[in-house]
Protein backbone atom coordinates (compact mmCIF):
# COMPACT_ATOMS: atom_id res chain seq x y z
CA MET A 1 115.48 98.74 95.21
CA GLN A 2 112.48 100.76 96.31
CA LYS A 3 112.18 98.53 99.37
CA MET A 4 115.87 99.05 100.16
CA MET A 5 115.44 102.84 99.92
CA MET A 6 112.45 102.82 102.28
CA ILE A 7 114.26 100.58 104.78
CA SER A 8 117.29 102.90 104.73
CA MET A 9 115.17 106.00 105.28
CA THR A 10 113.25 104.33 108.11
CA PHE A 11 116.50 103.28 109.77
CA ALA A 12 117.97 106.76 109.44
CA ILE A 13 114.90 108.50 110.85
CA ALA A 14 114.79 106.04 113.76
CA PHE A 15 118.47 106.70 114.40
CA ALA A 16 117.90 110.46 114.50
CA ILE A 17 114.96 110.07 116.88
CA SER A 18 116.97 107.83 119.20
CA ILE A 19 119.71 110.44 119.71
CA PRO A 20 119.81 111.64 123.34
CA ALA A 21 117.75 114.74 124.07
CA PHE A 22 119.31 118.17 124.17
CA PRO A 23 119.14 120.30 127.30
CA GLU A 24 115.39 120.82 127.69
CA GLU A 25 113.73 123.91 129.10
CA LEU A 26 110.93 122.81 131.41
CA VAL A 27 109.68 125.98 133.08
CA THR A 28 110.16 129.70 132.44
CA LEU A 29 109.39 132.31 135.09
CA SER A 30 108.99 135.68 133.38
CA TRP A 31 107.93 138.38 135.79
CA ASP A 32 105.66 140.07 133.26
CA THR A 33 103.49 136.92 133.18
CA THR A 34 104.35 135.10 136.44
CA ARG A 35 102.97 136.45 139.70
CA PRO A 36 105.68 136.25 142.39
CA LEU A 37 104.96 135.30 146.00
CA ALA A 38 107.27 138.06 147.29
CA GLY A 39 109.19 141.05 145.97
CA GLN A 40 108.06 143.81 143.63
CA VAL A 41 107.85 143.57 139.84
CA ILE A 42 109.39 146.65 138.24
CA GLU A 43 110.63 147.70 134.80
CA ASP A 44 114.38 147.37 134.60
CA SER A 45 116.26 150.58 133.86
CA GLU A 46 118.86 148.65 131.81
CA GLY A 47 116.41 147.23 129.30
CA LYS A 48 115.80 143.74 130.76
CA GLY A 49 112.05 144.27 130.87
CA ALA A 50 110.08 143.15 133.90
CA VAL A 51 112.32 142.18 136.83
CA LEU A 52 111.71 141.19 140.43
CA ALA A 53 113.16 143.53 143.07
CA PHE A 54 113.77 142.97 146.79
CA GLU A 55 114.91 145.50 149.36
CA ASN A 56 115.88 144.98 152.97
CA ASP A 57 116.17 148.41 154.55
CA THR A 58 115.76 147.30 158.16
CA GLY A 59 118.88 145.19 158.61
CA VAL A 60 116.76 142.37 160.07
CA PRO A 61 117.57 138.97 158.45
CA MET A 62 115.08 138.29 155.68
CA THR A 63 113.99 135.12 153.88
CA ALA A 64 111.66 135.77 150.95
CA THR A 65 109.91 132.86 149.24
CA PHE A 66 109.26 134.37 145.83
CA ALA A 67 108.19 131.35 143.74
CA ARG A 68 106.82 127.85 144.11
CA VAL A 69 106.88 125.56 141.07
CA GLU A 70 104.41 122.68 141.33
CA ASN A 71 105.05 119.53 139.27
CA PRO A 72 108.05 120.93 137.37
CA GLY A 73 108.14 117.90 135.04
CA VAL A 74 111.73 116.83 135.72
CA THR A 75 112.42 113.44 134.12
CA ALA A 76 116.24 113.57 133.87
CA SER A 77 118.70 113.03 136.72
CA ASN A 78 120.29 116.48 136.41
CA TYR A 79 118.59 119.86 136.33
CA ALA A 80 119.30 123.49 137.17
CA LEU A 81 117.53 126.78 137.61
CA HIS A 82 119.24 129.47 135.51
CA GLY A 83 118.78 133.20 135.74
CA THR A 84 120.40 136.60 136.12
CA VAL A 85 120.82 138.71 139.24
CA ARG A 86 122.20 142.11 140.24
CA TYR A 87 122.52 143.56 143.71
CA ASP A 88 123.67 146.62 145.59
CA GLY A 89 124.89 147.20 149.12
CA VAL A 90 124.21 143.70 150.41
CA GLU A 91 125.55 143.34 153.95
CA GLY A 92 127.00 139.99 154.97
CA VAL A 93 126.50 136.91 152.81
CA GLY A 94 123.15 136.47 151.11
CA TYR A 95 122.15 133.72 148.73
CA LEU A 96 119.50 132.29 146.47
CA GLU A 97 118.06 128.96 147.53
CA MET A 98 116.10 126.18 145.80
CA TRP A 99 114.35 123.58 147.94
CA ASN A 100 113.72 120.32 146.08
CA VAL A 101 110.69 118.58 147.59
CA PHE A 102 110.10 114.96 146.56
CA PRO A 103 106.93 112.84 146.51
CA ASP A 104 108.05 110.90 149.61
CA GLY A 105 108.31 114.12 151.59
CA SER A 106 112.10 114.36 151.58
CA ARG A 107 113.59 117.83 151.00
CA TYR A 108 117.03 118.91 149.78
CA PHE A 109 118.39 122.36 148.98
CA SER A 110 120.80 124.07 146.60
CA ARG A 111 122.31 127.44 147.54
CA THR A 112 124.49 130.06 145.88
CA LEU A 113 127.22 130.19 148.51
CA ALA A 114 130.38 129.71 146.44
CA ASP A 115 133.08 132.34 146.07
CA LEU A 116 133.13 132.11 142.26
CA GLY A 117 131.03 130.89 139.36
CA PRO A 118 127.28 130.68 138.85
CA LEU A 119 126.83 129.49 142.46
CA ARG A 120 128.49 132.68 143.74
CA LYS A 121 127.17 134.18 146.96
CA ILE A 122 125.29 137.50 147.04
CA SER A 123 127.43 140.02 148.88
CA GLY A 124 128.33 143.65 148.31
CA SER A 125 127.38 144.97 144.88
CA SER A 126 127.35 143.52 141.37
CA GLY A 127 125.93 144.35 137.97
CA TRP A 128 123.91 141.79 136.06
CA ARG A 129 125.52 138.34 136.14
CA GLU A 130 124.47 134.75 135.53
CA PHE A 131 123.59 132.38 138.35
CA ALA A 132 122.47 128.76 138.55
CA LEU A 133 121.04 126.47 141.20
CA SER A 134 121.77 122.88 140.19
CA PHE A 135 120.67 119.52 141.55
CA SER A 136 121.44 115.88 140.71
CA LEU A 137 119.06 113.06 141.58
CA MET A 138 121.81 110.44 141.54
CA ASP A 139 119.98 107.07 141.47
CA SER A 140 116.55 108.34 142.47
CA PRO A 141 113.85 107.31 139.93
CA LEU A 142 111.51 110.17 140.83
CA GLY A 143 111.90 113.87 140.14
CA PRO A 144 110.82 116.62 142.53
CA SER A 145 107.13 117.33 142.99
CA VAL A 146 107.70 120.92 144.10
CA LEU A 147 110.51 123.47 143.81
CA ILE A 148 110.54 126.34 146.33
CA LEU A 149 112.68 129.40 145.53
CA ASN A 150 113.96 131.71 148.26
CA LEU A 151 116.14 134.78 148.61
CA VAL A 152 118.00 135.04 151.92
CA LEU A 153 119.52 138.35 153.06
CA PRO A 154 121.19 138.59 156.50
CA GLY A 155 121.16 142.38 156.51
CA LYS A 156 120.46 145.45 154.42
CA GLY A 157 120.68 145.36 150.64
CA THR A 158 118.85 145.43 147.33
CA VAL A 159 118.58 142.43 144.99
CA VAL A 160 116.99 142.29 141.53
CA LEU A 161 116.22 139.07 139.62
CA GLY A 162 115.67 138.66 135.89
CA SER A 163 113.57 135.88 134.37
CA LEU A 164 114.35 132.29 135.39
CA LYS A 165 114.48 129.02 133.46
CA LEU A 166 114.42 125.45 134.73
CA VAL A 167 116.48 123.20 132.45
CA GLN A 168 117.18 119.47 132.59
CA TYR A 169 120.29 117.81 131.17
CA GLU A 170 121.31 114.44 129.78
CA SER A 171 124.30 114.19 132.13
CA ALA A 172 125.99 115.91 135.03
CA GLU A 173 128.91 116.68 132.71
CA SER A 174 126.79 118.63 130.21
CA MET A 175 125.12 120.54 133.04
CA ALA A 176 128.49 121.41 134.58
CA LYS A 177 129.87 122.63 131.24
CA ILE A 178 126.97 125.02 130.72
CA MET A 179 127.24 126.32 134.26
CA VAL A 180 130.97 126.97 133.89
CA ASP A 181 130.43 128.66 130.52
CA ALA A 182 127.74 130.86 132.06
CA ALA A 183 130.14 131.87 134.78
CA GLY A 184 132.62 133.17 132.24
CA THR A 185 135.52 131.30 133.82
CA GLY A 186 137.29 130.42 130.61
CA ALA A 187 135.65 127.12 129.70
CA ARG A 188 135.49 126.30 126.03
CA PRO A 189 132.11 127.60 124.74
CA GLY A 190 129.96 125.74 122.27
CA TRP A 191 130.18 126.62 118.59
CA TRP A 192 126.46 127.33 118.74
CA THR A 193 123.58 127.25 121.24
CA PRO A 194 121.43 124.20 122.16
CA ILE A 195 118.48 125.64 120.25
CA VAL A 196 120.57 126.02 117.08
CA GLY A 197 121.88 122.47 117.49
CA GLU A 198 118.38 121.04 117.83
CA ALA A 199 117.18 123.01 114.81
CA MET A 200 120.15 121.75 112.77
CA LEU A 201 119.32 118.13 113.56
CA VAL A 202 115.58 118.40 112.91
CA LEU A 203 115.74 120.57 109.79
CA GLY A 204 118.84 118.83 108.43
CA SER A 205 117.22 115.40 108.74
CA PHE A 206 114.06 116.70 107.08
CA VAL A 207 115.98 118.23 104.17
CA LEU A 208 118.02 115.05 103.65
CA VAL A 209 114.91 112.87 103.60
CA LEU A 210 113.04 115.29 101.32
CA ALA A 211 115.91 115.77 98.84
CA SER A 212 116.71 112.06 98.76
CA GLY A 213 113.06 111.19 98.20
CA LEU A 214 112.77 113.78 95.42
CA THR A 215 115.90 112.45 93.70
CA PHE A 216 114.60 108.90 93.96
CA GLY A 217 111.24 109.94 92.49
CA LEU A 218 112.85 111.78 89.57
CA ALA A 219 115.06 108.78 88.83
CA ARG A 220 112.06 106.45 88.75
CA ARG A 221 110.49 108.59 86.04
CA GLY A 222 113.77 109.05 84.20
CA LYS A 223 113.77 112.81 84.76
CA ALA A 224 116.60 115.23 85.63
CA ARG A 225 119.38 112.75 84.83
CA THR A 226 122.20 115.22 85.57
CA TRP A 227 120.76 116.09 88.96
CA GLY A 228 119.95 112.48 89.78
CA LEU A 229 123.47 111.24 89.06
CA ALA A 230 125.25 114.16 90.77
CA PHE A 231 123.16 114.66 93.92
CA PRO A 232 124.03 111.35 95.66
CA TRP A 233 127.75 112.13 95.41
CA PHE A 234 127.11 115.67 96.64
CA GLU A 235 125.15 114.19 99.55
CA ILE A 236 128.01 111.82 100.39
CA ALA A 237 130.51 114.70 100.26
CA LEU A 238 128.36 116.80 102.60
CA GLY A 239 127.98 113.80 104.89
CA TRP A 240 131.74 113.30 105.16
CA THR A 241 132.22 117.03 105.77
CA ALA A 242 129.69 117.00 108.61
CA LEU A 243 131.15 113.80 110.05
CA ILE A 244 134.67 115.25 110.05
CA GLY A 245 133.26 118.33 111.78
CA GLY A 246 131.63 116.06 114.35
CA VAL A 247 134.90 114.27 115.04
CA SER A 248 136.60 117.64 115.42
CA ALA A 249 133.85 118.69 117.85
CA VAL A 250 134.45 115.56 119.93
CA MET A 251 138.21 116.12 119.99
CA SER A 252 137.77 119.75 121.03
CA GLN A 253 135.31 118.71 123.78
CA GLN A 254 132.32 120.53 122.34
CA PRO A 255 128.99 119.95 124.12
CA ALA A 256 126.45 117.38 122.90
CA TRP A 257 124.30 119.92 121.05
CA VAL A 258 127.31 120.70 118.82
CA ARG A 259 128.77 117.25 118.14
CA THR A 260 125.51 115.26 117.92
CA PRO A 261 123.93 117.09 114.93
CA LEU A 262 127.20 116.97 112.98
CA ILE A 263 127.76 113.25 113.55
CA ALA A 264 124.11 112.31 112.99
CA LEU A 265 123.69 114.37 109.81
CA GLY A 266 127.05 113.14 108.55
CA LEU A 267 126.04 109.49 108.94
CA LEU A 268 122.62 110.14 107.40
CA GLY A 269 124.13 111.93 104.40
CA ILE A 270 126.64 109.15 103.74
CA LEU A 271 123.97 106.45 104.14
CA PHE A 272 121.40 108.13 101.91
CA GLY A 273 124.00 109.04 99.29
CA ALA A 274 125.46 105.52 99.16
CA VAL A 275 122.03 103.96 98.72
CA LEU A 276 120.98 106.52 96.09
CA VAL A 277 124.17 106.16 94.03
CA LYS A 278 123.41 102.54 93.20
CA ILE A 279 119.64 102.90 92.86
CA VAL A 280 119.75 105.99 90.65
CA ALA A 281 122.54 104.71 88.38
CA ASN A 282 120.77 101.38 87.86
CA ARG A 283 117.47 103.10 87.16
CA TYR A 284 118.83 105.49 84.54
CA THR A 285 120.79 102.65 82.93
CA ALA A 286 117.68 100.47 82.76
CA LEU A 287 115.65 103.27 81.21
CA GLU A 288 118.38 103.97 78.66
CA LEU A 289 118.54 100.29 77.67
CA ARG A 290 114.78 100.19 77.34
CA ARG A 291 114.86 103.27 75.11
CA MET A 292 117.57 101.75 72.91
CA GLN A 293 115.66 98.49 72.62
CA SER A 294 112.50 100.31 71.60
CA GLN A 295 114.45 102.20 68.91
CA ASN A 296 115.92 98.95 67.54
CA ILE A 297 112.49 97.33 67.40
CA GLY A 298 111.13 100.37 65.61
C-alpha cells in the first residue's frame, strides 16, 4: 500500500509538471532601472512612476531607437511586447515598431498601424492605453537574437511610454486572446490573471501532496482516526468541484491559466483521495483488529 501511495504521488507530481507553461514574462523594461537609447525619462504626473517621453517639435519625420534587447530568451513560437502609451498632438500616423533580428541575419518587423486594438496607430491624442507588438515564428526553430524597438513620428507630437514587458505564449490563440482583452474590445476576460493561475497550480499541488502525506502518516500510526477517514472523501469532493469548474472554464472559453489549474488540481484531488480512501480504511481496520486480538489474548 505504501508503494502504491508513492507511485500515485509521483505520477501526480509528474502530471502537474508536464502541464504546458503559462504565459511567461521574459524581459521587463522599467525606465527607472533601464537606460533608454533615446527619449527622456521623467516622472509621470498621473502616478505611473518613471516613464519615457519623446517630443518632436520640428515637424521633421523622426525615428527614435529607444531600446535594444540582446538575447531575449524566446523559446516559444509566439511572443509579444506589451506596454502602455499616451500621446498628444501627433500629426499624421505614427507607430511603435519592433524589429526581430534572427541568428541567420534575417529581419522582420511588427508595427502598431491598425485602426483599433492593441496594434492601434499613434495619431492625434490619447490618454494611457494598452499596446502590443506581437510576432509568430511559425515553423522556425530559432528565436530572435536581438529585438530593436523604435518610435516613428512623421510630424510634430509628444509620446510617452510606460514600462514594457516581453511575454511568450504557448499558442497563437492564447496570445491573441490576451491582446484582444488588453484592447478592451469585449472579449471574454479570464476569471483571474496568469500569475494567480500559476500560483494556484503550484500551491494547490503542494498542499494536496502535503495533506495527503500527513493523512497517510497519521493512519500508519493509528492516529486521528476521524480526520483520516474523513479527509480522503473531502479531498475527492474538492477534486470533483475543481474538475467541474475546469469543464465550465473550457465551455466558456477561458484561457489556459484559468482552466489548467482547475482541471489539474481536480484530477489530483480525485486521484489522491481515491488512493487514500482504501489505504486509510484498511490501515485503521488492521490496527483495530490487532487491538482486539491483543485484548482477547490478555
